[in-house]
Amino acid sequence: MHKVRFILNTSLFISKPLDTSKLVEQSFTTSAPSNIALVKYWGKKEGQIPANASLSFTLQNCYTKTKLTCVRLETSNNDLDFSVYFEKQRSQSFEPKIAGFFKAISPYMPFLAHYKFKIETENTFPHSSGIASSASGMAALSVCLMQLERALNPKITQEYFIKKASFLARLGSGSACRSIEGPVIIWGKHVAIDRSSNLYGIKLPCELHPIYNNYCDSILLVDKGEKQVSSSLGHGLMLNHPFANERFKQANHHIKTIIEALKNGDLKSFINIVESEALTLHAMMMTSAPYFILMKPNTLKIINTVWDFRKQIDLNLCFTLDAGANVHLLYPQSEKMQIQEFIKSNLLQYCENSQVIHDTLGFGVQII
């Protein structure tokens, strides 16, 4: 059986030479949401190329707001001049990651060398705790940069703007390419999905069943501290993982089956896939070399309490996990009152400072 090869054509994202003299100083502000993967991306190839396709819900209330101030330089500077402020404080710890991002995108935006930048950013949720803050942060910054490109070249289309923003965001953080649009995004080339790409995310190419309108995601903050192992390191451990190939096959199969559940409103199938994906993600962590665990004891207590609740009451509550200890609880809007009461009565005891974020499906970035 021959492997299918996917050609990566990145040349269309290289901007033509632009006249920077007409824009001396300007600021752009964007808010970009986090997203929660239902079918997980874990393992990547060179250039932030995913080892398997993934599918995510875009969130609404968990977002990063970024202001990018651009000041034109007298002479261009290939070593980009920038500073980063996180929640109003200078954050030099973020700057190496941003420097790497600028280096990765500079071939596609050569005009950046003519500016120095001030990046001011803040989250509505805890940073580095498994709620994809790098995804929302890189998505917000990428859209700000695309606003700069559009200011220099007003002829670019909205379709190109969105596609290139997702392409750029991916180079900063793989899952960031799924935070540009919503409510359901697919990233990664899949033989069964037209227009799917390893280079950027695309919207679900079919109509979403009405049961998923305003679908809820309550995020239980089990541990708001930084993860012991970063997602980047975790992805790297998939390179020689003994179960990697079977995992990638499973994920691509789950993409097809969950799309059917999203089209026909089959919540039982949806729940089975989502929970299986969450546990498989953490199983890959626990069986890598070196192995590690990001779940906490209270993560498992929440999962078991949810399972007990489902046995007793016929509601469509399920959990998923990102690369961290926090638990995302997904459920239809029609069951919101009962389930949020259950969360309050039975699950807040397992959260750090009884903290929970109630969110819903969102529709991507907002230019402010």
Protein backbone atom coordinates (compact mmCIF):
# COMPACT_ATOMS: atom_id res chain seq x y z
CA MET A 1 0.00 0.00 0.00
CA HIS A 2 1.46 3.36 -1.08
CA LYS A 3 1.52 6.22 1.38
CA VAL A 4 -0.34 9.35 0.31
CA ARG A 5 2.01 12.34 0.04
CA PHE A 6 0.77 15.86 0.61
CA ILE A 7 2.58 18.70 -1.14
CA LEU A 8 3.21 21.74 1.05
CA ASN A 9 3.06 24.90 -1.04
CA THR A 10 3.92 27.82 1.20
CA SER A 11 4.91 30.28 -1.52
CA LEU A 12 1.45 31.86 -1.73
CA PHE A 13 1.97 33.24 1.78
CA ILE A 14 5.10 35.23 0.86
CA SER A 15 4.08 38.87 0.69
CA LYS A 16 5.15 40.91 -2.29
CA PRO A 17 7.48 43.90 -1.71
CA LEU A 18 5.50 46.57 0.15
CA ASP A 19 6.04 50.30 0.58
CA THR A 20 6.45 50.78 4.34
CA SER A 21 7.01 54.55 4.10
CA LYS A 22 3.25 55.20 4.18
CA LEU A 23 2.86 53.64 7.64
CA VAL A 24 5.15 55.22 10.22
CA GLU A 25 3.41 54.31 13.45
CA GLN A 26 0.19 52.45 14.20
CA SER A 27 -1.37 50.09 16.73
CA PHE A 28 -3.56 47.06 16.10
CA THR A 29 -5.58 45.21 18.74
CA THR A 30 -7.10 41.73 18.51
CA SER A 31 -8.73 39.25 20.85
CA ALA A 32 -8.32 35.59 19.99
CA PRO A 33 -9.93 32.67 21.81
CA SER A 34 -8.45 29.51 23.15
CA ASN A 35 -9.72 26.25 21.69
CA ILE A 36 -10.20 22.78 23.05
CA ALA A 37 -9.27 19.86 20.82
CA LEU A 38 -11.80 17.04 20.72
CA VAL A 39 -9.61 14.90 18.48
CA LYS A 40 -6.09 15.58 19.73
CA TYR A 41 -2.92 16.62 17.96
CA TRP A 42 0.06 15.05 19.75
CA GLY A 43 3.20 14.59 17.71
CA LYS A 44 4.53 16.79 14.93
CA LYS A 45 7.04 16.92 12.10
CA GLU A 46 9.53 19.63 11.20
CA GLY A 47 7.92 23.00 10.48
CA GLN A 48 5.00 22.55 12.88
CA ILE A 49 3.38 19.92 10.65
CA PRO A 50 0.95 17.70 12.59
CA ALA A 51 1.40 13.93 12.61
CA ASN A 52 -2.39 13.56 12.45
CA ALA A 53 -5.41 15.73 11.80
CA SER A 54 -7.16 17.31 14.79
CA LEU A 55 -10.57 18.87 15.42
CA SER A 56 -11.44 21.49 18.01
CA PHE A 57 -14.19 23.62 19.49
CA THR A 58 -13.36 27.32 19.51
CA LEU A 59 -14.17 28.96 22.84
CA GLN A 60 -15.75 32.31 23.59
CA ASN A 61 -14.77 33.62 27.03
CA CYS A 62 -11.22 32.22 27.35
CA TYR A 63 -9.25 34.57 25.14
CA THR A 64 -6.07 36.58 24.79
CA LYS A 65 -6.21 40.28 24.00
CA THR A 66 -3.13 41.64 22.26
CA LYS A 67 -2.15 45.16 21.23
CA LEU A 68 0.67 45.44 18.71
CA THR A 69 2.31 48.86 18.28
CA CYS A 70 4.49 49.24 15.19
CA VAL A 71 7.03 52.06 14.74
CA ARG A 72 8.93 52.37 11.46
CA LEU A 73 12.72 52.33 11.68
CA GLU A 74 15.14 54.60 9.83
CA THR A 75 16.93 51.51 8.51
CA SER A 76 15.69 47.90 8.36
CA ASN A 77 16.78 45.45 11.02
CA ASN A 78 16.77 41.71 10.37
CA ASP A 79 17.13 41.06 14.10
CA LEU A 80 13.68 42.31 14.96
CA ASP A 81 13.42 44.87 17.73
CA PHE A 82 10.51 44.08 20.04
CA SER A 83 9.39 44.05 23.67
CA VAL A 84 6.65 42.00 25.34
CA TYR A 85 4.37 43.08 28.18
CA PHE A 86 2.14 40.47 29.81
CA GLU A 87 -0.65 41.87 31.98
CA LYS A 88 1.09 45.29 32.02
CA GLN A 89 4.46 43.93 33.19
CA ARG A 90 7.53 43.54 30.99
CA SER A 91 7.90 39.82 30.39
CA GLN A 92 11.35 38.91 29.11
CA SER A 93 10.60 35.24 29.74
CA PHE A 94 8.16 35.29 26.80
CA GLU A 95 10.59 37.01 24.46
CA PRO A 96 12.65 33.98 23.30
CA LYS A 97 9.45 32.29 22.08
CA ILE A 98 8.35 35.47 20.29
CA ALA A 99 11.84 35.85 18.78
CA GLY A 100 11.58 32.32 17.42
CA PHE A 101 8.14 33.11 16.03
CA PHE A 102 9.37 36.25 14.26
CA LYS A 103 12.28 34.30 12.79
CA ALA A 104 9.90 31.63 11.48
CA ILE A 105 7.51 34.09 9.84
CA SER A 106 10.05 36.60 8.50
CA PRO A 107 10.31 34.90 5.06
CA TYR A 108 6.57 35.43 4.64
CA MET A 109 6.51 39.01 5.98
CA PRO A 110 9.86 40.60 5.02
CA PHE A 111 8.41 44.07 5.69
CA LEU A 112 8.62 43.34 9.44
CA ALA A 113 12.33 44.22 9.32
CA HIS A 114 11.33 47.88 8.80
CA TYR A 115 9.56 48.14 12.19
CA LYS A 116 10.11 47.81 15.89
CA PHE A 117 7.27 46.38 17.94
CA LYS A 118 5.70 46.63 21.35
CA ILE A 119 3.47 43.68 22.21
CA GLU A 120 1.01 44.10 25.09
CA THR A 121 -1.04 41.05 25.95
CA GLU A 122 -3.34 39.70 28.64
CA ASN A 123 -5.46 36.59 29.19
CA THR A 124 -8.89 36.05 30.68
CA PHE A 125 -7.65 32.70 32.04
CA PRO A 126 -4.50 31.33 33.75
CA HIS A 127 -1.38 31.09 31.60
CA SER A 128 0.45 27.73 31.09
CA SER A 129 -2.15 25.62 32.89
CA GLY A 130 -3.46 23.53 30.02
CA ILE A 131 -6.04 25.93 28.55
CA ALA A 132 -4.05 26.58 25.36
CA SER A 133 -2.80 30.07 26.21
CA SER A 134 -0.08 29.77 23.56
CA ALA A 135 -2.81 29.06 20.99
CA SER A 136 -4.83 32.17 21.78
CA GLY A 137 -1.70 34.30 22.23
CA MET A 138 -0.12 33.37 18.91
CA ALA A 139 -3.45 33.64 17.12
CA ALA A 140 -3.99 37.16 18.47
CA LEU A 141 -0.47 38.27 17.54
CA SER A 142 -0.77 36.76 14.05
CA VAL A 143 -4.00 38.62 13.34
CA CYS A 144 -2.38 41.88 14.53
CA LEU A 145 0.48 41.25 12.09
CA MET A 146 -2.00 40.54 9.31
CA GLN A 147 -3.67 43.86 10.08
CA LEU A 148 -0.29 45.49 9.54
CA GLU A 149 0.09 43.66 6.22
CA ARG A 150 -3.41 44.70 5.16
CA ALA A 151 -2.66 48.32 6.09
CA LEU A 152 0.33 48.15 3.73
CA ASN A 153 -1.58 46.18 1.08
CA PRO A 154 -5.35 46.90 1.26
CA LYS A 155 -5.98 44.67 -1.77
CA ILE A 156 -5.58 41.38 0.09
CA THR A 157 -8.86 39.49 0.38
CA GLN A 158 -10.56 38.48 3.60
CA GLU A 159 -10.14 34.81 2.66
CA TYR A 160 -6.39 35.30 2.23
CA PHE A 161 -6.21 37.33 5.46
CA ILE A 162 -7.80 34.49 7.49
CA LYS A 163 -5.84 31.72 5.81
CA LYS A 164 -2.49 33.45 6.21
CA ALA A 165 -3.27 34.41 9.83
CA SER A 166 -3.88 30.72 10.57
CA PHE A 167 -0.71 29.78 8.67
CA LEU A 168 1.38 32.25 10.68
CA ALA A 169 -0.19 31.29 14.01
CA ARG A 170 0.71 27.65 13.35
CA LEU A 171 4.39 28.58 13.14
CA GLY A 172 4.20 30.02 16.66
CA SER A 173 2.08 27.27 18.22
CA GLY A 174 0.55 24.42 16.26
CA SER A 175 -2.88 24.57 17.86
CA ALA A 176 -2.99 28.37 17.41
CA CYS A 177 -4.08 27.85 13.80
CA ARG A 178 -7.37 26.50 15.20
CA SER A 179 -8.11 29.74 17.11
CA ILE A 180 -8.60 32.08 14.14
CA GLU A 181 -12.15 30.97 13.26
CA GLY A 182 -14.93 28.89 14.81
CA PRO A 183 -16.97 27.22 16.04
CA VAL A 184 -15.43 23.90 14.84
CA ILE A 185 -12.01 23.81 13.20
CA ILE A 186 -10.01 21.02 11.54
CA TRP A 187 -6.24 21.22 11.18
CA GLY A 188 -4.19 18.64 9.33
CA LYS A 189 -4.47 17.03 5.93
CA HIS A 190 -7.06 14.26 5.92
CA VAL A 191 -7.83 12.15 2.85
CA ALA A 192 -11.57 12.32 3.54
CA ILE A 193 -11.81 16.10 4.00
CA ASP A 194 -11.61 18.43 1.01
CA ARG A 195 -9.48 21.57 1.51
CA SER A 196 -7.96 20.24 4.74
CA SER A 197 -4.35 21.29 5.14
CA ASN A 198 -1.29 20.80 7.30
CA LEU A 199 -0.54 24.51 6.89
CA TYR A 200 -3.66 26.11 8.40
CA GLY A 201 -7.00 25.32 9.97
CA ILE A 202 -10.30 25.19 8.11
CA LYS A 203 -13.88 25.43 9.31
CA LEU A 204 -15.90 22.21 9.59
CA PRO A 205 -16.92 21.60 5.96
CA CYS A 206 -20.53 20.66 6.74
CA GLU A 207 -23.48 22.01 8.68
CA LEU A 208 -23.32 21.60 12.44
CA HIS A 209 -26.35 19.92 14.02
CA PRO A 210 -28.45 22.42 16.03
CA ILE A 211 -27.84 20.47 19.28
CA TYR A 212 -24.32 21.91 19.25
CA ASN A 213 -25.46 25.54 19.03
CA ASN A 214 -24.09 27.38 22.09
CA TYR A 215 -22.57 24.12 23.31
CA CYS A 216 -21.13 24.62 26.78
CA ASP A 217 -17.62 24.05 28.12
CA SER A 218 -17.10 24.41 31.87
CA ILE A 219 -13.38 24.38 32.66
CA LEU A 220 -12.57 23.07 36.13
CA LEU A 221 -9.29 24.60 37.31
CA VAL A 222 -7.71 21.71 39.16
CA ASP A 223 -4.22 23.19 39.04
CA LYS A 224 -3.47 26.72 37.82
CA GLY A 225 0.31 26.32 38.04
CA GLU A 226 2.68 25.79 35.14
CA LYS A 227 2.90 22.27 33.74
CA GLN A 228 5.89 20.14 34.71
CA VAL A 229 6.41 19.17 31.04
CA SER A 230 5.66 21.62 28.23
CA SER A 231 3.54 20.64 25.24
CA SER A 232 6.56 21.18 22.95
CA LEU A 233 8.58 18.60 24.87
CA GLY A 234 5.61 16.24 24.94
CA HIS A 235 5.21 16.44 21.16
CA GLY A 236 8.89 15.65 20.72
CA LEU A 237 8.55 12.45 22.76
CA MET A 238 6.16 11.06 20.13
CA LEU A 239 9.03 10.73 17.63
CA ASN A 240 10.16 7.38 19.00
CA HIS A 241 7.01 6.42 20.84
CA PRO A 242 6.23 2.69 20.48
CA PHE A 243 2.51 3.34 19.97
CA ALA A 244 2.78 6.48 17.80
CA ASN A 245 1.70 5.03 14.45
CA GLU A 246 -1.37 3.32 15.86
CA ARG A 247 -2.25 6.52 17.70
CA PHE A 248 -2.08 8.57 14.50
CA LYS A 249 -4.33 6.05 12.72
CA GLN A 250 -6.81 6.18 15.60
CA ALA A 251 -6.96 9.98 15.52
CA ASN A 252 -7.60 10.11 11.78
CA HIS A 253 -10.36 7.51 12.17
CA HIS A 254 -11.90 9.50 15.01
CA ILE A 255 -11.96 12.61 12.82
CA LYS A 256 -14.31 10.86 10.40
CA THR A 257 -16.58 9.46 13.09
CA ILE A 258 -16.85 12.65 15.11
CA ILE A 259 -17.74 14.65 12.00
CA GLU A 260 -20.69 12.29 11.50
CA ALA A 261 -21.73 12.87 15.13
CA LEU A 262 -21.45 16.63 14.64
CA LYS A 263 -23.61 16.43 11.53
CA ASN A 264 -26.35 14.14 12.86
CA GLY A 265 -26.41 15.16 16.53
CA ASP A 266 -25.43 11.71 17.85
CA LEU A 267 -24.31 12.81 21.32
CA LYS A 268 -23.59 9.27 22.57
CA SER A 269 -21.07 8.73 19.79
CA PHE A 270 -19.70 12.25 20.37
CA ILE A 271 -19.14 11.50 24.07
CA ASN A 272 -17.41 8.18 23.39
CA ILE A 273 -14.95 9.72 20.94
CA VAL A 274 -14.22 12.83 23.03
CA GLU A 275 -13.50 10.90 26.23
CA SER A 276 -11.48 8.24 24.42
CA GLU A 277 -9.34 10.95 22.82
CA ALA A 278 -8.71 12.66 26.17
CA LEU A 279 -7.58 9.45 27.85
CA THR A 280 -5.48 8.38 24.86
CA LEU A 281 -3.65 11.72 24.91
CA HIS A 282 -2.62 11.18 28.52
CA ALA A 283 -1.87 7.50 27.89
CA MET A 284 0.68 8.63 25.28
CA MET A 285 2.32 10.82 27.94
CA MET A 286 2.41 8.01 30.47
CA THR A 287 3.97 5.56 27.99
CA SER A 288 6.58 7.87 26.43
CA ALA A 289 10.28 7.72 27.29
CA PRO A 290 10.74 9.45 29.64
CA TYR A 291 7.17 9.02 30.90
CA PHE A 292 5.29 11.74 32.72
CA ILE A 293 1.86 12.49 34.17
CA LEU A 294 0.07 15.83 33.89
CA MET A 295 -3.17 14.72 35.54
CA LYS A 296 -3.57 15.30 39.27
CA PRO A 297 -5.49 13.15 41.80
CA ASN A 298 -8.41 15.58 41.61
CA THR A 299 -8.49 15.21 37.82
CA LEU A 300 -9.30 11.52 38.29
CA LYS A 301 -11.82 12.27 41.03
CA ILE A 302 -13.69 14.59 38.67
CA ILE A 303 -13.69 12.00 35.88
CA ASN A 304 -15.05 9.27 38.13
CA THR A 305 -17.69 11.60 39.58
CA VAL A 306 -18.81 12.51 36.06
CA TRP A 307 -19.08 8.83 35.13
CA ASP A 308 -21.13 8.10 38.26
CA PHE A 309 -23.40 11.06 37.49
CA ARG A 310 -24.02 9.81 33.94
CA LYS A 311 -25.01 6.37 35.23
CA GLN A 312 -27.62 7.92 37.49
CA ILE A 313 -29.00 10.70 35.26
CA ASP A 314 -29.47 10.53 31.50
CA LEU A 315 -27.69 13.76 30.60
CA ASN A 316 -25.10 14.30 27.89
CA LEU A 317 -22.19 15.46 30.01
CA CYS A 318 -18.68 14.42 29.02
CA PHE A 319 -15.13 15.44 29.83
CA THR A 320 -12.04 16.16 27.85
CA LEU A 321 -8.50 17.08 28.86
CA ASP A 322 -5.87 19.19 27.22
CA ALA A 323 -2.17 18.85 28.06
CA GLY A 324 -2.68 19.61 31.73
CA ALA A 325 -4.61 18.73 34.87
CA ASN A 326 -7.69 20.86 34.24
CA VAL A 327 -10.92 19.25 33.08
CA HIS A 328 -13.20 20.57 30.35
CA LEU A 329 -16.82 19.47 30.79
CA LEU A 330 -18.86 19.60 27.58
CA TYR A 331 -22.66 19.56 27.44
CA PRO A 332 -25.61 20.94 25.45
CA GLN A 333 -27.08 24.35 26.26
CA SER A 334 -30.43 22.65 26.98
CA GLU A 335 -28.88 20.80 29.96
CA LYS A 336 -26.97 23.81 31.32
CA MET A 337 -28.96 24.45 34.50
CA GLN A 338 -28.87 20.87 35.78
CA ILE A 339 -25.23 20.30 34.91
CA GLN A 340 -23.95 23.56 36.34
CA GLU A 341 -25.81 22.78 39.57
CA PHE A 342 -24.09 19.37 39.59
CA ILE A 343 -20.73 21.07 39.06
CA LYS A 344 -21.39 23.48 41.93
CA SER A 345 -22.56 20.77 44.32
CA ASN A 346 -20.17 17.94 43.47
CA LEU A 347 -17.09 19.12 41.59
CA LEU A 348 -15.95 22.52 42.85
CA GLN A 349 -14.43 20.79 45.89
CA TYR A 350 -11.81 19.33 43.52
CA CYS A 351 -10.87 22.70 41.99
CA GLU A 352 -8.16 25.06 43.17
CA ASN A 353 -9.97 27.73 45.18
CA SER A 354 -13.27 26.28 43.86
CA GLN A 355 -12.58 27.98 40.54
CA VAL A 356 -14.42 27.18 37.33
CA ILE A 357 -14.73 29.04 34.01
CA HIS A 358 -18.05 28.63 32.22
CA ASP A 359 -17.61 29.02 28.49
CA THR A 360 -19.42 28.28 25.22
CA LEU A 361 -18.55 27.76 21.57
CA GLY A 362 -17.23 30.90 19.92
CA PHE A 363 -16.53 32.15 16.44
CA GLY A 364 -12.88 33.14 16.42
CA VAL A 365 -10.86 36.33 16.55
CA GLN A 366 -12.25 39.82 16.97
CA ILE A 367 -10.45 42.87 15.64
CA ILE A 368 -10.86 45.71 18.15
